[in-house]
Amino acid sequence: MKELIILLKNGNRSALLAALVNTIISLLKGVAFFLSGNVAIFAETMHSLGDAANQFLVFIGSALSKKDPTKRFPGGFGRLVNIVLLFAVLIVGIMAYETVREGIDHVINPQESTAFLLIISVLSLSVSLEFIVLTKAMKEIVTNAGVKTRGLKLYSSSFTYLKSAKPATKLVFLEDSVATAGGILAILAVVVTEYTNFKQAEGIVSIVIGLLMFIVVGRVFLDNAAGAIGEADLEMQGVIGNIAMKDPDVRDIQGLAVFKEGEDFHVELSIEIDSKLTVEQVDKIRQRIEKQILTEKGVSDIIIEFDKDDGILNWPNSIHKNEKRKKMLEKHSSWKNVD
């Protein structure tokens, strides 16, 4: 029990905050729907319920993914957050289906709704709370990317670095972006319905909200399916490769794989060195490279293998590439002069 509490303390805070906020919002929207029968607010209620449920799951998954490896699971639990997210999107998918279905019914058979001021008040409060959570997720994205930004630039930067965000934070960002946009659309639909004869507006907005939820389902599913299988991170691979090649004793990189496991990176590195080096010297090289690589945010474990230098440069981003080429050209030119 003590271990579980410690793990939960390390869970994704954006997901926990979003779950709590969406629980409150879904209750407010549910009461408003019960009193008014408004289909647009029904769509928003379903949306908030789905968000709250899967964000609680995501929070728990992100916490449990930090559990230390065991004898039964020596590879650790890093990918657990991806598996939980795959399950979570099923909930969103069901809610999205119900939202679209209800919207289609309302377009075919539009019905009058009541409690206009109550609906507008609840939706306005909901949009404000969703936007606060969205802003927090944005700040977490740019902070994780190591970027300092303020004001309006925060919004553009969060989209720029979304791809490298933690899975849980990415889910919160996507869901609350849709929730904020959906809330604004719902307000517009309620206003249009109240002051015009276009009673199908609420149903149309309900369908749009449902479709936006399906887009989130698709995006999150694809991202986390790749993460659960073990997706290579090419950007981090380039960073790790350049770190290794900067070491004076590394001649070349024979193989490099960087897998993203949940929120962490697993590195497998095979490097070429001078075959004349002693075991003690090789061990010092290993410690030196491991220490440098572990300074990169998110790297959890490293496996380094050594092989003798074959004289052929394979690493495309090597900082020694030009130097080795110059040396080879100098050797060739000296041979020609001797001939």
Protein backbone atom coordinates (compact mmCIF):
# COMPACT_ATOMS: atom_id res chain seq x y z
CA MET A 1 0.00 0.00 0.00
CA LYS A 2 2.86 2.34 0.88
CA GLU A 3 4.50 1.66 -2.51
CA LEU A 4 1.21 2.45 -4.31
CA ILE A 5 0.89 5.80 -2.51
CA ILE A 6 4.47 6.70 -3.45
CA LEU A 7 3.80 5.76 -7.08
CA LEU A 8 0.57 7.79 -7.19
CA LYS A 9 2.47 10.84 -5.97
CA ASN A 10 4.61 10.55 -9.11
CA GLY A 11 1.61 10.26 -11.44
CA ASN A 12 0.99 12.79 -14.19
CA ARG A 13 -0.41 15.88 -12.45
CA SER A 14 -2.01 17.32 -15.56
CA ALA A 15 -4.06 14.14 -15.94
CA LEU A 16 -5.14 14.22 -12.27
CA LEU A 17 -6.12 17.88 -12.43
CA ALA A 18 -8.00 17.32 -15.69
CA ALA A 19 -9.82 14.31 -14.20
CA LEU A 20 -10.95 16.25 -11.13
CA VAL A 21 -12.01 19.29 -13.14
CA ASN A 22 -13.92 17.18 -15.69
CA THR A 23 -15.70 15.30 -12.90
CA ILE A 24 -17.00 18.61 -11.51
CA ILE A 25 -17.88 19.85 -15.00
CA SER A 26 -19.73 16.65 -15.93
CA LEU A 27 -21.85 16.92 -12.76
CA LEU A 28 -22.74 20.56 -13.55
CA LYS A 29 -23.56 19.73 -17.15
CA GLY A 30 -25.57 16.67 -16.11
CA VAL A 31 -27.76 18.78 -13.82
CA ALA A 32 -28.23 21.38 -16.56
CA PHE A 33 -29.21 18.67 -19.07
CA PHE A 34 -31.67 17.11 -16.59
CA LEU A 35 -33.36 20.49 -16.10
CA SER A 36 -33.34 21.60 -19.74
CA GLY A 37 -33.22 18.53 -22.01
CA ASN A 38 -30.75 20.45 -24.22
CA VAL A 39 -28.99 18.06 -26.62
CA ALA A 40 -25.91 20.26 -26.99
CA ILE A 41 -25.28 20.13 -23.27
CA PHE A 42 -25.97 16.38 -23.36
CA ALA A 43 -23.08 16.08 -25.83
CA GLU A 44 -20.89 18.14 -23.53
CA THR A 45 -21.93 16.02 -20.52
CA MET A 46 -20.95 12.81 -22.31
CA HIS A 47 -17.71 14.41 -23.43
CA SER A 48 -16.78 15.50 -19.90
CA LEU A 49 -17.73 12.12 -18.42
CA GLY A 50 -15.52 10.33 -20.95
CA ASP A 51 -12.66 12.74 -20.32
CA ALA A 52 -12.91 12.37 -16.53
CA ALA A 53 -12.98 8.56 -16.69
CA ASN A 54 -10.02 8.09 -19.00
CA GLN A 55 -7.96 10.86 -17.37
CA PHE A 56 -8.28 9.08 -14.03
CA LEU A 57 -7.12 5.90 -15.78
CA VAL A 58 -4.26 7.77 -17.40
CA PHE A 59 -3.17 9.23 -14.06
CA ILE A 60 -3.11 5.75 -12.48
CA GLY A 61 -1.34 4.29 -15.53
CA SER A 62 1.32 7.02 -15.56
CA ALA A 63 1.96 6.38 -11.85
CA LEU A 64 2.18 2.57 -12.13
CA SER A 65 4.47 2.85 -15.16
CA LYS A 66 7.19 4.18 -12.82
CA LYS A 67 7.22 0.96 -10.78
CA ASP A 68 10.65 -0.65 -10.55
CA PRO A 69 11.33 -3.81 -12.59
CA THR A 70 10.57 -7.15 -10.93
CA LYS A 71 11.72 -10.73 -11.54
CA ARG A 72 8.53 -11.41 -13.46
CA PHE A 73 8.78 -8.15 -15.44
CA PRO A 74 12.52 -7.40 -15.74
CA GLY A 75 11.91 -4.89 -18.52
CA GLY A 76 9.99 -2.61 -16.18
CA PHE A 77 6.51 -1.11 -16.54
CA GLY A 78 7.26 1.88 -18.78
CA ARG A 79 4.84 0.81 -21.51
CA LEU A 80 1.96 0.36 -19.07
CA VAL A 81 0.88 3.96 -19.61
CA ASN A 82 0.51 3.24 -23.35
CA ILE A 83 -1.62 0.16 -22.64
CA VAL A 84 -3.84 2.12 -20.24
CA LEU A 85 -4.28 4.87 -22.81
CA LEU A 86 -5.36 2.31 -25.42
CA PHE A 87 -8.07 1.18 -23.02
CA ALA A 88 -8.98 4.78 -22.15
CA VAL A 89 -9.66 5.75 -25.77
CA LEU A 90 -12.30 3.01 -25.95
CA ILE A 91 -14.29 4.95 -23.37
CA VAL A 92 -13.95 8.13 -25.40
CA GLY A 93 -14.98 6.21 -28.53
CA ILE A 94 -18.20 4.98 -26.87
CA MET A 95 -19.00 8.48 -25.63
CA ALA A 96 -18.30 9.88 -29.10
CA TYR A 97 -20.69 7.38 -30.68
CA GLU A 98 -23.47 8.27 -28.23
CA THR A 99 -22.86 11.98 -28.84
CA VAL A 100 -23.12 11.64 -32.63
CA ARG A 101 -26.17 9.38 -32.37
CA GLU A 102 -27.99 11.82 -30.09
CA GLY A 103 -27.07 14.70 -32.39
CA ILE A 104 -28.48 12.92 -35.45
CA ASP A 105 -31.72 12.19 -33.58
CA HIS A 106 -32.03 15.86 -32.66
CA VAL A 107 -31.41 17.01 -36.25
CA ILE A 108 -34.17 14.68 -37.48
CA ASN A 109 -36.55 15.49 -34.62
CA PRO A 110 -35.55 18.86 -33.11
CA GLN A 111 -36.97 19.57 -29.66
CA GLU A 112 -37.36 22.75 -27.64
CA SER A 113 -35.04 23.18 -24.68
CA THR A 114 -35.45 25.38 -21.60
CA ALA A 115 -33.32 27.03 -18.90
CA PHE A 116 -31.36 29.18 -21.36
CA LEU A 117 -29.52 31.23 -18.73
CA LEU A 118 -28.63 28.12 -16.71
CA ILE A 119 -27.18 26.38 -19.78
CA ILE A 120 -25.15 29.42 -20.83
CA SER A 121 -23.81 29.86 -17.29
CA VAL A 122 -22.80 26.20 -16.94
CA LEU A 123 -21.18 26.07 -20.38
CA SER A 124 -19.30 29.34 -19.80
CA LEU A 125 -17.96 28.08 -16.45
CA SER A 126 -17.02 24.75 -18.07
CA VAL A 127 -15.12 26.43 -20.91
CA SER A 128 -13.21 28.56 -18.39
CA LEU A 129 -12.21 25.53 -16.31
CA GLU A 130 -11.28 23.48 -19.40
CA PHE A 131 -9.12 26.34 -20.64
CA ILE A 132 -7.27 26.48 -17.30
CA VAL A 133 -6.46 22.75 -17.57
CA LEU A 134 -5.48 23.17 -21.22
CA THR A 135 -3.09 25.99 -20.33
CA LYS A 136 -1.48 23.84 -17.62
CA ALA A 137 -1.00 21.03 -20.14
CA MET A 138 0.56 23.52 -22.57
CA LYS A 139 3.01 24.71 -19.90
CA GLU A 140 3.94 21.11 -19.11
CA ILE A 141 4.60 20.40 -22.80
CA VAL A 142 6.98 23.35 -23.27
CA THR A 143 8.66 22.73 -19.90
CA ASN A 144 9.28 19.09 -20.83
CA ALA A 145 10.81 20.32 -24.10
CA GLY A 146 13.15 22.60 -22.16
CA VAL A 147 11.66 25.77 -23.65
CA LYS A 148 10.88 28.95 -21.72
CA THR A 149 8.02 30.95 -23.18
CA ARG A 150 5.21 33.24 -22.04
CA GLY A 151 2.08 34.88 -23.33
CA LEU A 152 0.63 34.00 -26.70
CA LYS A 153 3.82 32.20 -27.74
CA LEU A 154 2.91 29.46 -25.24
CA TYR A 155 0.07 28.31 -27.50
CA SER A 156 2.14 28.05 -30.68
CA SER A 157 5.06 26.41 -28.82
CA SER A 158 2.78 23.78 -27.28
CA PHE A 159 1.66 22.70 -30.75
CA THR A 160 5.27 22.71 -31.98
CA TYR A 161 6.51 20.40 -29.20
CA LEU A 162 3.34 18.30 -28.86
CA LYS A 163 4.94 15.31 -30.59
CA SER A 164 7.63 15.00 -27.90
CA ALA A 165 5.19 15.43 -24.98
CA LYS A 166 4.57 12.69 -22.43
CA PRO A 167 1.70 10.38 -23.48
CA ALA A 168 -0.52 11.41 -20.55
CA THR A 169 0.08 15.13 -21.11
CA LYS A 170 -0.58 14.74 -24.82
CA LEU A 171 -3.94 13.09 -24.10
CA VAL A 172 -4.94 15.89 -21.71
CA PHE A 173 -3.92 18.50 -24.28
CA LEU A 174 -5.91 16.90 -27.09
CA GLU A 175 -9.00 16.20 -25.00
CA ASP A 176 -9.15 19.64 -23.41
CA SER A 177 -8.53 21.34 -26.76
CA VAL A 178 -11.60 19.55 -28.11
CA ALA A 179 -13.51 20.19 -24.88
CA THR A 180 -12.78 23.93 -24.97
CA ALA A 181 -13.67 24.20 -28.66
CA GLY A 182 -16.76 22.02 -28.13
CA GLY A 183 -17.93 24.18 -25.23
CA ILE A 184 -17.68 27.33 -27.34
CA LEU A 185 -19.58 25.66 -30.19
CA ALA A 186 -22.26 24.49 -27.73
CA ILE A 187 -22.72 28.05 -26.43
CA LEU A 188 -23.13 29.33 -29.99
CA ALA A 189 -25.65 26.57 -30.77
CA VAL A 190 -27.72 27.36 -27.67
CA VAL A 191 -27.77 31.07 -28.55
CA VAL A 192 -28.75 30.36 -32.17
CA THR A 193 -31.53 27.99 -31.05
CA GLU A 194 -32.83 30.52 -28.53
CA TYR A 195 -33.03 33.49 -30.88
CA THR A 196 -33.78 31.85 -34.24
CA ASN A 197 -36.00 29.14 -35.68
CA PHE A 198 -32.97 27.00 -36.55
CA LYS A 199 -33.61 24.35 -33.89
CA GLN A 200 -31.28 21.80 -35.53
CA ALA A 201 -28.21 23.85 -34.48
CA GLU A 202 -27.80 21.97 -31.20
CA GLY A 203 -27.95 18.61 -32.97
CA ILE A 204 -25.38 19.68 -35.57
CA VAL A 205 -23.00 20.89 -32.86
CA SER A 206 -23.49 17.60 -31.01
CA ILE A 207 -22.44 15.71 -34.16
CA VAL A 208 -19.40 17.99 -34.62
CA ILE A 209 -18.32 17.47 -30.99
CA GLY A 210 -18.69 13.70 -31.42
CA LEU A 211 -16.59 13.72 -34.58
CA LEU A 212 -13.88 15.78 -32.86
CA MET A 213 -13.86 13.17 -30.10
CA PHE A 214 -13.36 10.44 -32.72
CA ILE A 215 -10.35 12.38 -34.08
CA VAL A 216 -8.82 12.38 -30.58
CA VAL A 217 -9.53 8.63 -30.31
CA GLY A 218 -7.72 7.96 -33.60
CA ARG A 219 -4.71 10.13 -32.78
CA VAL A 220 -4.25 8.78 -29.25
CA PHE A 221 -4.78 5.17 -30.38
CA LEU A 222 -2.14 5.36 -33.12
CA ASP A 223 0.41 7.09 -30.86
CA ASN A 224 0.01 4.63 -28.00
CA ALA A 225 -0.24 1.53 -30.16
CA ALA A 226 3.21 2.44 -31.50
CA GLY A 227 4.42 3.11 -27.94
CA ALA A 228 3.08 -0.20 -26.63
CA ILE A 229 4.88 -2.10 -29.41
CA GLY A 230 8.08 -0.14 -28.88
CA GLU A 231 8.51 2.80 -31.24
CA ALA A 232 11.97 4.10 -32.13
CA ASP A 233 12.58 7.76 -31.36
CA LEU A 234 14.69 9.05 -34.25
CA GLU A 235 15.20 12.52 -32.78
CA MET A 236 16.59 11.18 -29.51
CA GLN A 237 18.59 8.64 -31.49
CA GLY A 238 20.40 11.49 -33.23
CA VAL A 239 21.09 13.21 -29.89
CA ILE A 240 22.46 10.03 -28.29
CA GLY A 241 24.56 9.23 -31.35
CA ASN A 242 26.22 12.62 -31.35
CA ILE A 243 26.94 12.37 -27.62
CA ALA A 244 28.68 9.02 -28.16
CA MET A 245 30.66 10.25 -31.17
CA LYS A 246 31.99 13.23 -29.21
CA ASP A 247 33.90 10.85 -26.97
CA PRO A 248 37.57 10.87 -28.08
CA ASP A 249 37.89 7.06 -27.88
CA VAL A 250 34.82 6.27 -29.99
CA ARG A 251 35.71 5.58 -33.62
CA ASP A 252 32.23 4.80 -34.93
CA ILE A 253 28.71 3.69 -34.01
CA GLN A 254 27.94 0.20 -35.26
CA GLY A 255 24.34 0.19 -34.05
CA LEU A 256 22.00 2.45 -32.11
CA ALA A 257 18.37 2.01 -31.05
CA VAL A 258 16.38 4.34 -28.82
CA PHE A 259 12.95 3.03 -27.80
CA LYS A 260 10.35 5.13 -26.07
CA GLU A 261 8.79 3.11 -23.27
CA GLY A 262 5.97 5.16 -21.79
CA GLU A 263 7.61 8.39 -20.64
CA ASP A 264 11.17 6.98 -20.64
CA PHE A 265 13.83 6.15 -23.23
CA HIS A 266 15.65 2.82 -23.43
CA VAL A 267 19.01 3.05 -25.24
CA GLU A 268 20.92 0.22 -26.91
CA LEU A 269 24.28 1.36 -28.24
CA SER A 270 27.03 -0.55 -30.04
CA ILE A 271 30.25 1.40 -30.60
CA GLU A 272 33.58 0.73 -32.26
CA ILE A 273 36.84 1.43 -30.44
CA ASP A 274 40.53 0.71 -30.79
CA SER A 275 41.09 -3.03 -30.27
CA LYS A 276 44.36 -2.30 -28.41
CA LEU A 277 42.56 -0.70 -25.44
CA THR A 278 42.60 -2.57 -22.13
CA VAL A 279 39.52 -3.81 -20.27
CA GLU A 280 40.03 -1.07 -17.69
CA GLN A 281 40.16 1.62 -20.37
CA VAL A 282 37.02 0.24 -22.03
CA ASP A 283 35.19 0.27 -18.72
CA LYS A 284 36.11 3.92 -18.20
CA ILE A 285 34.78 4.72 -21.68
CA ARG A 286 31.51 2.95 -20.82
CA GLN A 287 31.10 4.89 -17.56
CA ARG A 288 31.94 8.18 -19.26
CA ILE A 289 29.42 7.72 -22.08
CA GLU A 290 26.69 6.41 -19.77
CA LYS A 291 27.09 9.41 -17.49
CA GLN A 292 26.73 11.83 -20.42
CA ILE A 293 23.74 10.05 -21.95
CA LEU A 294 21.90 9.85 -18.60
CA THR A 295 21.95 13.65 -18.40
CA GLU A 296 19.43 13.64 -21.27
CA LYS A 297 15.91 14.03 -19.91
CA GLY A 298 13.87 10.84 -19.98
CA VAL A 299 16.70 8.32 -20.49
CA SER A 300 16.14 5.53 -17.94
CA ASP A 301 18.57 2.76 -18.91
CA ILE A 302 21.45 2.15 -21.31
CA ILE A 303 23.03 -0.98 -22.77
CA ILE A 304 26.45 -0.39 -24.35
CA GLU A 305 28.36 -2.98 -26.38
CA PHE A 306 31.87 -2.64 -27.80
CA ASP A 307 33.49 -3.91 -30.99
CA LYS A 308 36.78 -3.29 -32.71
CA ASP A 309 37.07 -0.51 -35.25
CA ASP A 310 36.58 -1.82 -38.79
CA GLY A 311 37.89 1.37 -40.39
CA ILE A 312 34.57 2.12 -42.11
CA LEU A 313 32.55 5.11 -40.87
CA ASN A 314 28.85 4.25 -40.56
CA TRP A 315 27.38 6.95 -38.34
CA PRO A 316 25.97 9.65 -40.66
CA ASN A 317 25.92 12.43 -38.08
CA SER A 318 29.45 11.87 -36.84
CA ILE A 319 31.29 15.04 -35.83
CA HIS A 320 34.51 13.20 -36.75
CA LYS A 321 33.30 12.45 -40.27
CA ASN A 322 35.16 15.28 -41.97
CA GLU A 323 38.28 14.75 -39.86
CA LYS A 324 38.44 11.04 -40.77
CA ARG A 325 37.90 11.83 -44.43
CA LYS A 326 40.74 14.35 -44.32
CA LYS A 327 43.04 11.76 -42.72
CA MET A 328 42.08 9.17 -45.35
CA LEU A 329 42.74 11.67 -48.14
CA GLU A 330 46.08 12.57 -46.57
CA LYS A 331 47.02 8.87 -46.46
CA HIS A 332 46.01 8.34 -50.07
CA SER A 333 47.95 11.40 -51.18
CA SER A 334 51.04 10.23 -49.25
CA TRP A 335 50.80 6.80 -50.93
CA LYS A 336 50.60 8.45 -54.33
CA ASN A 337 53.66 10.55 -53.57
CA VAL A 338 55.59 7.44 -52.54
CA ASP A 339 54.62 5.71 -55.79
